[in-house]
Protein backbone atom coordinates (compact mmCIF):
# COMPACT_ATOMS: atom_id res chain seq x y z
CA MET A 1 10.87 19.98 -13.86
CA ASP A 2 7.08 19.59 -14.60
CA ARG A 3 4.05 21.05 -12.76
CA LEU A 4 3.94 18.41 -9.96
CA GLN A 5 7.36 18.42 -9.20
CA ILE A 6 7.41 22.36 -8.97
CA LEU A 7 4.36 22.13 -6.64
CA LEU A 8 6.09 19.37 -4.61
CA LEU A 9 9.42 21.56 -4.33
CA LEU A 10 7.54 24.75 -3.46
CA SER A 11 5.67 23.00 -0.80
CA LEU A 12 8.68 21.25 1.05
CA LEU A 13 10.20 24.86 1.18
CA ALA A 14 7.12 26.49 2.59
CA PHE A 15 7.03 23.67 4.96
CA THR A 16 10.52 23.52 6.38
CA SER A 17 10.46 27.54 6.51
CA MET A 18 7.60 26.82 9.12
CA GLY A 19 9.92 25.48 11.62
CA SER A 20 10.70 22.06 13.15
CA SER A 21 8.13 19.33 13.41
CA SER A 22 8.13 15.85 14.96
CA ALA A 23 7.38 14.41 11.42
CA ALA A 24 9.35 16.64 9.25
CA PRO A 25 12.18 15.24 7.04
CA LYS A 26 15.68 15.58 7.97
CA LYS A 27 17.07 14.44 4.61
CA PRO A 28 16.06 15.77 1.02
CA ILE A 29 13.22 14.90 -0.55
CA GLY A 30 13.25 13.94 -4.37
CA ILE A 31 10.68 13.16 -6.90
CA TYR A 32 11.69 10.61 -9.35
CA GLU A 33 10.27 9.52 -12.61
CA LEU A 34 9.99 5.83 -14.38
CA LYS A 35 8.99 6.21 -17.97
CA LYS A 36 8.44 4.18 -20.90
CA GLY A 37 6.47 5.48 -23.89
CA ASP A 38 3.17 7.22 -22.41
CA PHE A 39 3.14 4.90 -19.23
CA SER A 40 4.98 6.91 -16.31
CA VAL A 41 5.39 6.36 -12.73
CA LYS A 42 6.43 8.97 -10.33
CA VAL A 43 7.69 8.15 -6.80
CA THR A 44 9.21 10.08 -3.78
CA ASN A 45 11.69 8.84 -1.18
CA TRP A 46 9.41 10.39 1.51
CA GLY A 47 7.72 7.09 2.54
CA ALA A 48 8.77 5.23 -0.92
CA THR A 49 5.67 6.71 -2.15
CA ILE A 50 3.93 6.45 -5.52
CA LEU A 51 2.74 9.72 -6.34
CA SER A 52 1.47 9.03 -9.85
CA VAL A 53 0.87 6.20 -12.38
CA ILE A 54 -0.06 7.69 -15.74
CA LEU A 55 -1.54 5.58 -18.70
CA PRO A 56 -3.66 5.55 -21.40
CA ASP A 57 -7.49 4.47 -21.85
CA SER A 58 -9.07 2.68 -24.73
CA LYS A 59 -9.11 5.95 -26.79
CA GLY A 60 -5.56 6.95 -25.97
CA ASN A 61 -6.43 9.49 -23.27
CA LEU A 62 -3.86 9.66 -20.66
CA ALA A 63 -4.79 9.93 -17.12
CA ASP A 64 -3.31 9.61 -13.52
CA VAL A 65 -4.86 6.47 -11.99
CA VAL A 66 -3.68 6.78 -8.20
CA LEU A 67 -5.10 8.91 -5.75
CA GLY A 68 -2.66 11.51 -4.20
CA TYR A 69 -2.11 15.04 -2.75
CA GLU A 70 -0.90 18.08 -4.37
CA GLY A 71 2.07 18.75 -2.37
CA ILE A 72 4.78 17.14 -0.12
CA ARG A 73 3.41 18.80 2.92
CA GLN A 74 0.29 16.85 2.65
CA TYR A 75 2.00 13.41 2.42
CA ILE A 76 4.02 14.40 5.51
CA ASN A 77 1.11 15.20 7.70
CA GLY A 78 -1.65 13.09 6.10
CA THR A 79 -3.34 10.15 7.45
CA THR A 80 -4.54 8.26 4.26
CA TYR A 81 -1.33 6.59 3.17
CA PHE A 82 -1.90 7.33 -0.30
CA GLY A 83 0.65 5.33 -2.37
CA ALA A 84 2.96 4.70 0.72
CA LEU A 85 5.52 1.64 1.57
CA VAL A 86 4.09 0.56 5.04
CA GLY A 87 5.76 -1.23 7.52
CA ARG A 88 7.38 -2.69 9.65
CA VAL A 89 4.11 -4.37 10.13
CA GLY A 90 1.30 -3.17 7.89
CA ASN A 91 -2.28 -3.60 8.88
CA ARG A 92 -3.18 -3.85 12.58
CA ILE A 93 -1.69 -5.46 15.74
CA SER A 94 -4.22 -5.99 18.56
CA GLY A 95 -3.65 -4.47 21.79
CA ALA A 96 -0.47 -2.82 20.26
CA ARG A 97 1.79 -5.55 21.88
CA PHE A 98 2.81 -9.25 20.94
CA VAL A 99 5.31 -11.61 22.38
CA LEU A 100 8.22 -12.82 20.81
CA ASN A 101 10.86 -15.46 21.94
CA GLY A 102 9.57 -15.05 25.71
CA THR A 103 9.79 -10.87 25.35
CA ALA A 104 6.58 -8.89 25.31
CA TYR A 105 6.96 -6.02 22.83
CA HIS A 106 4.78 -2.90 23.48
CA LEU A 107 4.02 -0.87 20.31
CA TYR A 108 3.18 2.85 19.74
CA ARG A 109 -0.76 2.66 19.88
CA ASN A 110 -2.11 4.82 16.88
CA ASP A 111 -5.69 3.11 16.19
CA GLY A 112 -7.62 3.07 19.35
CA THR A 113 -6.03 0.48 21.42
CA SER A 114 -4.11 -1.22 18.47
CA SER A 115 -1.07 -0.51 16.43
CA ILE A 116 -1.70 0.04 12.61
CA HIS A 117 0.56 0.39 9.70
CA GLY A 118 3.99 0.08 12.00
CA GLY A 119 2.86 3.06 14.22
CA HIS A 120 2.54 6.72 14.14
CA ARG A 121 6.10 7.00 12.40
CA GLY A 122 5.92 3.75 10.49
CA PHE A 123 8.03 3.39 7.19
CA SER A 124 5.22 5.57 5.48
CA PHE A 125 6.51 8.66 7.52
CA VAL A 126 10.23 8.45 7.05
CA THR A 127 12.68 9.54 4.55
CA TRP A 128 14.34 6.70 2.59
CA THR A 129 17.81 6.74 0.61
CA VAL A 130 18.05 6.40 -2.98
CA GLU A 131 20.17 3.25 -3.49
CA GLU A 132 20.02 3.19 -7.18
CA LYS A 133 18.19 4.90 -10.22
CA VAL A 134 18.55 3.43 -13.76
CA ASP A 135 16.73 5.00 -16.88
CA GLY A 136 16.41 3.15 -20.07
CA GLU A 137 14.14 0.47 -21.62
CA PHE A 138 13.00 -0.92 -18.35
CA PRO A 139 13.71 1.77 -15.84
CA TYR A 140 13.82 1.42 -12.04
CA ILE A 141 14.41 2.97 -8.39
CA LYS A 142 15.71 1.31 -5.48
CA PHE A 143 15.06 2.67 -2.13
CA TYR A 144 16.62 1.80 1.37
CA TYR A 145 15.71 2.34 5.02
CA TYR A 146 17.33 1.33 8.14
CA SER A 147 14.98 0.69 10.81
CA PHE A 148 16.49 0.89 14.27
CA ASP A 149 16.08 -1.68 17.29
CA LYS A 150 12.73 -0.75 19.21
CA GLU A 151 11.58 1.66 16.26
CA GLN A 152 7.98 2.00 17.19
CA GLY A 153 8.45 -0.65 19.76
CA PHE A 154 9.54 -3.43 17.28
CA PRO A 155 12.77 -5.56 18.02
CA GLY A 156 16.02 -5.60 16.10
CA ASP A 157 17.93 -3.77 13.49
CA LEU A 158 16.36 -4.12 10.08
CA ASP A 159 17.45 -3.31 6.66
CA VAL A 160 14.48 -2.46 3.96
CA PHE A 161 14.70 -2.11 0.60
CA VAL A 162 11.77 -1.63 -2.25
CA THR A 163 12.30 -1.46 -6.00
CA TYR A 164 9.83 0.17 -8.39
CA LYS A 165 10.46 -0.85 -12.02
CA ILE A 166 8.77 -0.42 -15.35
CA SER A 167 9.28 -4.30 -16.23
CA GLY A 168 7.33 -4.27 -19.44
CA ALA A 169 4.81 -2.68 -21.61
CA TYR A 170 2.41 -1.23 -19.06
CA GLU A 171 3.78 -3.41 -16.34
CA LEU A 172 4.71 -1.95 -12.86
CA THR A 173 6.93 -4.20 -10.39
CA VAL A 174 7.04 -3.76 -6.65
CA ASN A 175 10.16 -5.78 -4.76
CA MET A 176 10.21 -5.32 -1.15
CA GLU A 177 13.09 -6.95 0.87
CA ALA A 178 13.68 -6.77 4.46
CA ILE A 179 16.73 -8.38 6.57
CA PRO A 180 17.07 -8.63 10.21
CA ARG A 181 20.46 -7.84 11.75
CA THR A 182 20.48 -8.56 15.19
CA LYS A 183 17.12 -10.10 16.34
CA ALA A 184 13.97 -12.08 15.29
CA THR A 185 11.17 -9.51 14.27
CA PRO A 186 7.77 -9.58 12.49
CA VAL A 187 7.82 -8.14 8.94
CA ASN A 188 4.88 -7.49 6.72
CA LEU A 189 5.22 -4.78 4.23
CA LEU A 190 2.56 -3.75 1.96
CA GLN A 191 2.23 -0.87 -0.81
CA HIS A 192 -0.80 1.14 -0.15
CA SER A 193 -1.77 2.88 -3.42
CA TYR A 194 -5.50 3.90 -3.94
CA TRP A 195 -6.35 2.90 -7.63
CA ASN A 196 -9.04 4.43 -9.68
CA LEU A 197 -8.69 3.37 -13.14
CA GLY A 198 -10.89 5.65 -14.65
CA GLY A 199 -8.69 8.55 -13.28
CA HIS A 200 -7.98 9.85 -9.92
CA ASN A 201 -10.65 12.54 -10.42
CA SER A 202 -13.10 10.60 -12.12
CA GLY A 203 -15.60 9.88 -8.95
CA THR A 204 -16.35 6.55 -7.20
CA ILE A 205 -15.01 3.05 -7.85
CA LEU A 206 -18.54 1.46 -7.35
CA SER A 207 -19.13 0.86 -11.08
CA ASN A 208 -15.67 -1.21 -11.49
CA LYS A 209 -15.67 -4.84 -11.99
CA VAL A 210 -13.46 -6.89 -9.36
CA GLN A 211 -12.23 -10.56 -9.31
CA ILE A 212 -10.35 -11.53 -6.25
CA PHE A 213 -8.76 -15.20 -6.49
CA ALA A 214 -9.44 -16.13 -2.60
CA SER A 215 -11.93 -18.66 -1.55
CA HIS A 216 -11.59 -17.43 2.23
CA ILE A 217 -11.48 -14.61 4.24
CA THR A 218 -10.38 -13.94 7.66
CA PRO A 219 -13.31 -12.57 9.76
CA LEU A 220 -12.94 -9.39 11.76
CA ASP A 221 -14.24 -8.37 15.28
CA GLU A 222 -15.76 -4.80 15.80
CA GLN A 223 -12.20 -3.27 16.02
CA LEU A 224 -11.23 -4.63 12.82
CA ILE A 225 -9.18 -7.26 14.20
CA PRO A 226 -9.20 -10.89 13.04
CA THR A 227 -11.12 -13.11 15.24
CA GLY A 228 -8.75 -16.23 14.46
CA SER A 229 -11.00 -17.98 12.16
CA ILE A 230 -10.86 -18.55 8.47
CA SER A 231 -14.06 -18.80 6.38
CA PRO A 232 -15.28 -19.58 3.33
CA VAL A 233 -16.58 -16.60 0.79
CA SER A 234 -19.30 -18.91 -0.81
CA GLY A 235 -22.70 -17.24 -0.30
CA THR A 236 -21.09 -13.74 1.35
CA PRO A 237 -20.92 -10.43 -0.34
CA PHE A 238 -17.27 -11.02 -0.37
CA ASP A 239 -17.62 -13.42 -3.10
CA PHE A 240 -15.46 -12.05 -5.80
CA ARG A 241 -14.27 -15.48 -7.19
CA GLU A 242 -15.95 -14.48 -10.36
CA PRO A 243 -15.85 -10.63 -11.52
CA ASN A 244 -18.60 -8.72 -9.62
CA ILE A 245 -19.40 -4.98 -9.54
CA ILE A 246 -18.24 -3.49 -6.50
CA GLY A 247 -21.33 -1.55 -5.82
CA SER A 248 -23.77 -4.46 -6.19
CA ARG A 249 -23.46 -5.61 -3.05
CA ILE A 250 -21.69 -3.23 -0.95
CA ASN A 251 -24.78 -1.92 1.08
CA GLN A 252 -24.62 -5.77 2.64
CA VAL A 253 -21.13 -4.75 4.14
CA LYS A 254 -21.03 -2.30 6.85
CA GLY A 255 -19.38 0.76 5.47
CA GLY A 256 -17.73 -1.00 2.68
CA TYR A 257 -15.17 -3.63 2.06
CA ASN A 258 -12.03 -3.68 4.16
CA MET A 259 -11.22 -7.50 4.42
CA ASN A 260 -8.44 -9.60 4.39
CA TYR A 261 -8.69 -12.62 1.80
CA VAL A 262 -6.85 -15.67 1.80
CA VAL A 263 -5.27 -16.02 -1.93
CA ASP A 264 -5.62 -19.44 -3.39
CA GLY A 265 -2.49 -21.03 -4.61
CA HIS A 266 1.12 -20.50 -3.59
CA GLY A 267 4.20 -18.37 -4.92
CA MET A 268 3.87 -15.75 -7.48
CA ARG A 269 0.41 -16.02 -9.23
CA LYS A 270 -2.64 -13.96 -10.12
CA VAL A 271 -4.27 -12.20 -6.93
CA ALA A 272 -6.97 -9.71 -8.39
CA VAL A 273 -8.21 -8.11 -11.66
CA VAL A 274 -10.02 -4.67 -11.70
CA LYS A 275 -11.58 -3.35 -14.40
CA ASP A 276 -13.19 -0.06 -15.40
CA GLU A 277 -15.72 -0.32 -18.40
CA THR A 278 -15.84 3.26 -19.03
CA SER A 279 -12.09 3.77 -19.65
CA GLY A 280 -11.42 0.32 -20.79
CA ARG A 281 -8.41 0.09 -18.65
CA ALA A 282 -7.96 -2.92 -16.51
CA MET A 283 -5.26 -4.06 -14.14
CA GLU A 284 -3.99 -7.52 -12.96
CA LEU A 285 -2.40 -7.76 -9.64
CA TRP A 286 -0.23 -10.57 -9.20
CA ALA A 287 1.93 -11.40 -6.29
CA ASN A 288 3.81 -14.06 -3.93
CA GLN A 289 1.92 -13.21 -0.47
CA VAL A 290 -0.50 -15.53 1.28
CA ALA A 291 -3.57 -12.58 1.41
CA VAL A 292 -4.65 -9.40 0.27
CA GLN A 293 -6.62 -6.67 1.73
CA PHE A 294 -9.33 -5.13 -0.45
CA TYR A 295 -10.43 -1.56 0.78
CA THR A 296 -12.90 0.42 -0.72
CA ALA A 297 -11.65 3.81 0.90
CA TYR A 298 -14.66 4.26 3.03
CA TYR A 299 -12.68 6.41 5.55
CA LEU A 300 -11.98 8.97 2.99
CA ASN A 301 -14.23 12.10 3.86
CA ASP A 302 -13.52 15.36 1.81
CA VAL A 303 -9.80 14.90 1.46
CA LYS A 304 -8.29 17.34 -0.71
CA GLY A 305 -6.04 15.72 -3.17
CA LYS A 306 -4.32 16.47 -6.58
CA GLY A 307 -5.42 19.61 -8.71
CA GLY A 308 -7.91 20.56 -6.04
CA VAL A 309 -9.95 17.36 -6.48
CA VAL A 310 -11.94 16.33 -3.38
CA TYR A 311 -11.87 12.85 -2.76
CA GLY A 312 -14.88 11.16 -1.10
CA ARG A 313 -16.17 7.78 0.28
CA TYR A 314 -15.18 5.11 -2.47
CA ALA A 315 -13.15 7.28 -4.63
CA GLY A 316 -10.50 4.83 -5.01
CA LEU A 317 -9.73 0.99 -3.84
CA CYS A 318 -6.77 -0.50 -2.40
CA LEU A 319 -5.57 -3.89 -3.07
CA GLU A 320 -2.78 -4.72 -0.37
CA THR A 321 -0.84 -7.89 -0.69
CA GLN A 322 0.32 -9.21 2.92
CA GLY A 323 0.57 -11.51 5.53
CA PHE A 324 -2.46 -12.07 7.60
CA PRO A 325 -3.43 -8.93 9.89
CA ASP A 326 -2.37 -9.46 13.80
CA ALA A 327 -0.53 -12.58 12.82
CA VAL A 328 1.65 -12.21 15.80
CA ASN A 329 -1.10 -12.91 18.03
CA HIS A 330 -2.51 -15.67 16.29
CA PRO A 331 -0.33 -18.89 16.32
CA SER A 332 -2.50 -20.59 14.08
CA PHE A 333 -1.86 -17.80 11.07
CA PRO A 334 1.25 -17.97 8.97
CA SER A 335 3.96 -16.82 10.68
CA GLN A 336 5.38 -13.39 9.87
CA ILE A 337 8.61 -13.74 11.94
CA VAL A 338 11.96 -13.01 10.29
CA ASN A 339 15.25 -14.21 11.82
CA PRO A 340 18.53 -12.81 11.38
CA GLY A 341 20.07 -14.84 8.34
CA GLU A 342 16.77 -14.89 6.65
CA VAL A 343 15.48 -12.65 3.99
CA TYR A 344 11.84 -11.38 3.69
CA LYS A 345 10.57 -10.90 0.22
CA HIS A 346 7.42 -9.70 -1.24
CA ASP A 347 7.03 -9.15 -4.96
CA MET A 348 4.05 -7.59 -6.73
CA LEU A 349 3.29 -7.11 -10.56
CA PHE A 350 0.78 -4.61 -11.68
CA LYS A 351 -0.39 -5.21 -15.42
CA PHE A 352 -2.30 -2.61 -17.10
CA SER A 353 -4.42 -2.81 -20.25
CA PHE A 354 -6.72 -0.75 -22.17
């Protein structure tokens, strides 16, 4: 058992000894490692969360390239969604309500008048079951969660699966599935890791170079809800069709980047590329979803993370492939409704190089 595992176990024991909590896990929490050579990924069944991703730089130096907390108590009580699997519907739903098949559904409001990331106890704040863990050349772990009818206000029983797999040399795949049992329901699962390819403790990502293969965005109102329109990125600070340094135009965007991009093409395709020139590390993201949220972590404000590191604004970036935010309230957007007998599938592939 290494240092991270010991600290997480001790913090869990300390937390459970404090008494009951509405967010406290009722099933055992585990920490699991996938490893191939000097590439390793640690995950936990609390929120199906990625805890660490360790890989070398151009000089062979290892570093953890995702932001996170030091102990499990912080994941249980945190609000950053570090590394979490988000659902039943990630991103925002305006008014915390929608109408489906003539029935109005009212959700838990946890972002002003809106619902965000599935509500106050969405999939990031529950204990998942370990369905399978396989070591070997291509190690993987599969988590399962049963989401009951009306959980956080959403209709119908839902079986949810996520598999993390080291699928090649410095490649991590994330495969998400959801299967409605009883009723039609919206589903928009997303993986919410904060990446800093220089290392989680290396400062900001403003000098990183980013390319996003998207020609359009869905503009937002003051509450960060899509207006319903789809606009070209050409001539705006949101244009990353060619590689561009994040910090070069970020002062033209209020707060920083937090925008839904409409990914060009269809099927499994390249979504984005991130490059950290200092370390030499690069990350390609491939996925099969219609959109990706690009977020530069401007809400982070002196968050105490791993090893006592304090994360400030722009300490990491998120690239969350997804359906369009608030699609349930915009009939012109691609539908997120999944019916009984159908299977929702969301596949991601992270390719690292250095």
